[in-house]
Amino acid sequence: MIKWLIDRSIPSKAAIENRQDFEKILKQIPSRYTFNSPWFYGAIGFSSILIFAILISFL
């Protein structure tokens, strides 16, 4: 690891700019929409009903 850092050539400004295309990188990441997932609503719905039932039982 240390040898790689010592022997490494310094990248040019153009090389750095070419690697900083963050829009391209973000497009490659698969998008996940948590709010559109039925698992999200199932967990939220179940916990809401459970909390509601616990609150009613104590009142």
N, C-alpha and C. Protein backbone atom coordinates (compact mmCIF):
# COMPACT_ATOMS: atom_id res chain seq x y z
N MET A 1 0.83 -1.19 0.00
CA MET A 1 0.00 0.00 0.00
C MET A 1 0.87 1.25 0.00
N ILE A 2 1.87 1.30 0.86
CA ILE A 2 2.72 2.49 0.93
C ILE A 2 3.49 2.65 -0.38
N LYS A 3 3.96 1.54 -0.96
CA LYS A 3 4.71 1.63 -2.20
C LYS A 3 3.82 2.18 -3.31
N TRP A 4 2.58 1.80 -3.34
CA TRP A 4 1.68 2.32 -4.37
C TRP A 4 1.52 3.82 -4.26
N LEU A 5 1.45 4.32 -3.03
CA LEU A 5 1.28 5.76 -2.85
C LEU A 5 2.54 6.53 -3.19
N ILE A 6 3.70 5.95 -2.94
CA ILE A 6 4.96 6.63 -3.24
C ILE A 6 5.21 6.62 -4.74
N ASP A 7 4.98 5.49 -5.41
CA ASP A 7 5.29 5.37 -6.83
C ASP A 7 4.18 5.91 -7.73
N ARG A 8 3.13 6.37 -7.16
CA ARG A 8 1.99 6.82 -7.97
C ARG A 8 2.29 8.16 -8.63
N SER A 9 1.93 8.26 -9.89
CA SER A 9 2.13 9.54 -10.57
C SER A 9 0.98 10.49 -10.22
N ILE A 10 1.28 11.76 -10.22
CA ILE A 10 0.27 12.76 -9.86
C ILE A 10 -0.66 12.96 -11.05
N PRO A 11 -1.98 12.87 -10.85
CA PRO A 11 -2.90 13.04 -11.97
C PRO A 11 -2.96 14.49 -12.43
N SER A 12 -3.20 14.66 -13.72
CA SER A 12 -3.29 16.01 -14.27
C SER A 12 -4.65 16.62 -13.94
N LYS A 13 -4.78 17.93 -14.18
CA LYS A 13 -6.04 18.60 -13.92
C LYS A 13 -7.15 18.03 -14.79
N ALA A 14 -6.83 17.71 -16.03
CA ALA A 14 -7.83 17.16 -16.95
C ALA A 14 -8.31 15.80 -16.47
N ALA A 15 -7.40 14.98 -15.96
CA ALA A 15 -7.78 13.66 -15.46
C ALA A 15 -8.69 13.78 -14.26
N ILE A 16 -8.40 14.72 -13.39
CA ILE A 16 -9.24 14.93 -12.21
C ILE A 16 -10.62 15.41 -12.62
N GLU A 17 -10.68 16.35 -13.56
CA GLU A 17 -11.98 16.87 -14.02
C GLU A 17 -12.81 15.79 -14.70
N ASN A 18 -12.14 14.89 -15.44
CA ASN A 18 -12.87 13.80 -16.10
C ASN A 18 -13.47 12.83 -15.08
N ARG A 19 -12.84 12.66 -13.95
CA ARG A 19 -13.33 11.75 -12.92
C ARG A 19 -14.40 12.37 -12.04
N GLN A 20 -14.61 13.66 -12.15
CA GLN A 20 -15.57 14.35 -11.29
C GLN A 20 -16.91 14.57 -11.96
N ASP A 21 -17.32 13.67 -12.80
CA ASP A 21 -18.64 13.76 -13.43
C ASP A 21 -19.64 13.04 -12.53
N PHE A 22 -20.13 13.76 -11.53
CA PHE A 22 -20.99 13.15 -10.52
C PHE A 22 -22.37 12.81 -11.06
N GLU A 23 -22.83 13.54 -12.06
CA GLU A 23 -24.13 13.22 -12.65
C GLU A 23 -24.08 11.83 -13.31
N LYS A 24 -22.98 11.54 -13.97
CA LYS A 24 -22.81 10.22 -14.61
C LYS A 24 -22.79 9.11 -13.56
N ILE A 25 -22.11 9.37 -12.46
CA ILE A 25 -22.02 8.38 -11.38
C ILE A 25 -23.39 8.16 -10.76
N LEU A 26 -24.14 9.23 -10.52
CA LEU A 26 -25.46 9.11 -9.90
C LEU A 26 -26.45 8.39 -10.81
N LYS A 27 -26.29 8.53 -12.12
CA LYS A 27 -27.19 7.83 -13.05
C LYS A 27 -26.93 6.33 -13.05
N GLN A 28 -25.71 5.90 -12.69
CA GLN A 28 -25.37 4.48 -12.68
C GLN A 28 -25.91 3.78 -11.45
N ILE A 29 -26.22 4.53 -10.40
CA ILE A 29 -26.73 3.94 -9.17
C ILE A 29 -28.21 3.62 -9.35
N PRO A 30 -28.64 2.40 -9.09
CA PRO A 30 -30.07 2.10 -9.23
C PRO A 30 -30.88 2.87 -8.20
N SER A 31 -31.95 3.46 -8.66
CA SER A 31 -32.76 4.27 -7.74
C SER A 31 -33.75 3.39 -7.00
N ARG A 32 -33.91 3.70 -5.74
CA ARG A 32 -34.87 2.99 -4.89
C ARG A 32 -35.81 4.03 -4.31
N TYR A 33 -37.06 3.82 -4.52
CA TYR A 33 -38.04 4.72 -3.97
C TYR A 33 -38.68 4.04 -2.76
N THR A 34 -38.27 4.44 -1.59
CA THR A 34 -38.73 3.81 -0.36
C THR A 34 -40.22 4.05 -0.16
N PHE A 35 -40.68 5.24 -0.50
CA PHE A 35 -42.07 5.58 -0.25
C PHE A 35 -43.02 4.85 -1.19
N ASN A 36 -42.54 4.39 -2.32
CA ASN A 36 -43.38 3.66 -3.26
C ASN A 36 -43.38 2.16 -2.98
N SER A 37 -42.56 1.73 -2.07
CA SER A 37 -42.45 0.31 -1.75
C SER A 37 -43.59 -0.11 -0.82
N PRO A 38 -44.24 -1.23 -1.10
CA PRO A 38 -45.28 -1.70 -0.18
C PRO A 38 -44.73 -2.09 1.18
N TRP A 39 -43.45 -2.45 1.26
CA TRP A 39 -42.85 -2.80 2.55
C TRP A 39 -42.80 -1.57 3.45
N PHE A 40 -42.57 -0.39 2.88
CA PHE A 40 -42.53 0.83 3.69
C PHE A 40 -43.89 1.10 4.31
N TYR A 41 -44.93 1.05 3.50
CA TYR A 41 -46.26 1.33 4.02
C TYR A 41 -46.73 0.22 4.95
N GLY A 42 -46.30 -0.99 4.70
CA GLY A 42 -46.66 -2.09 5.58
C GLY A 42 -46.07 -1.90 6.97
N ALA A 43 -44.80 -1.52 7.02
CA ALA A 43 -44.14 -1.31 8.32
C ALA A 43 -44.73 -0.11 9.04
N ILE A 44 -44.93 0.96 8.31
CA ILE A 44 -45.50 2.17 8.93
C ILE A 44 -46.94 1.91 9.36
N GLY A 45 -47.70 1.25 8.51
CA GLY A 45 -49.09 0.95 8.85
C GLY A 45 -49.20 0.04 10.06
N PHE A 46 -48.38 -1.00 10.09
CA PHE A 46 -48.42 -1.95 11.21
C PHE A 46 -48.02 -1.26 12.51
N SER A 47 -46.95 -0.48 12.47
CA SER A 47 -46.52 0.19 13.70
C SER A 47 -47.54 1.24 14.14
N SER A 48 -48.19 1.91 13.20
CA SER A 48 -49.21 2.90 13.57
C SER A 48 -50.40 2.23 14.24
N ILE A 49 -50.85 1.12 13.70
CA ILE A 49 -51.97 0.40 14.30
C ILE A 49 -51.59 -0.14 15.67
N LEU A 50 -50.37 -0.64 15.80
CA LEU A 50 -49.90 -1.17 17.08
C LEU A 50 -49.84 -0.06 18.14
N ILE A 51 -49.29 1.09 17.79
CA ILE A 51 -49.22 2.20 18.74
C ILE A 51 -50.63 2.67 19.11
N PHE A 52 -51.51 2.75 18.13
CA PHE A 52 -52.89 3.15 18.37
C PHE A 52 -53.58 2.18 19.32
N ALA A 53 -53.37 0.88 19.12
CA ALA A 53 -53.98 -0.12 19.98
C ALA A 53 -53.41 -0.05 21.40
N ILE A 54 -52.14 0.20 21.54
CA ILE A 54 -51.54 0.31 22.87
C ILE A 54 -52.07 1.54 23.58
N LEU A 55 -52.20 2.64 22.87
CA LEU A 55 -52.72 3.87 23.48
C LEU A 55 -54.18 3.68 23.93
N ILE A 56 -54.98 3.01 23.13
CA ILE A 56 -56.38 2.79 23.49
C ILE A 56 -56.47 1.88 24.72
N SER A 57 -55.60 0.89 24.80
CA SER A 57 -55.67 -0.04 25.92
C SER A 57 -55.30 0.65 27.26
N PHE A 58 -54.46 1.67 27.22
CA PHE A 58 -54.08 2.37 28.44
C PHE A 58 -55.08 3.46 28.83
N LEU A 59 -55.91 3.89 27.89
CA LEU A 59 -56.86 4.97 28.20
C LEU A 59 -58.16 4.44 28.67
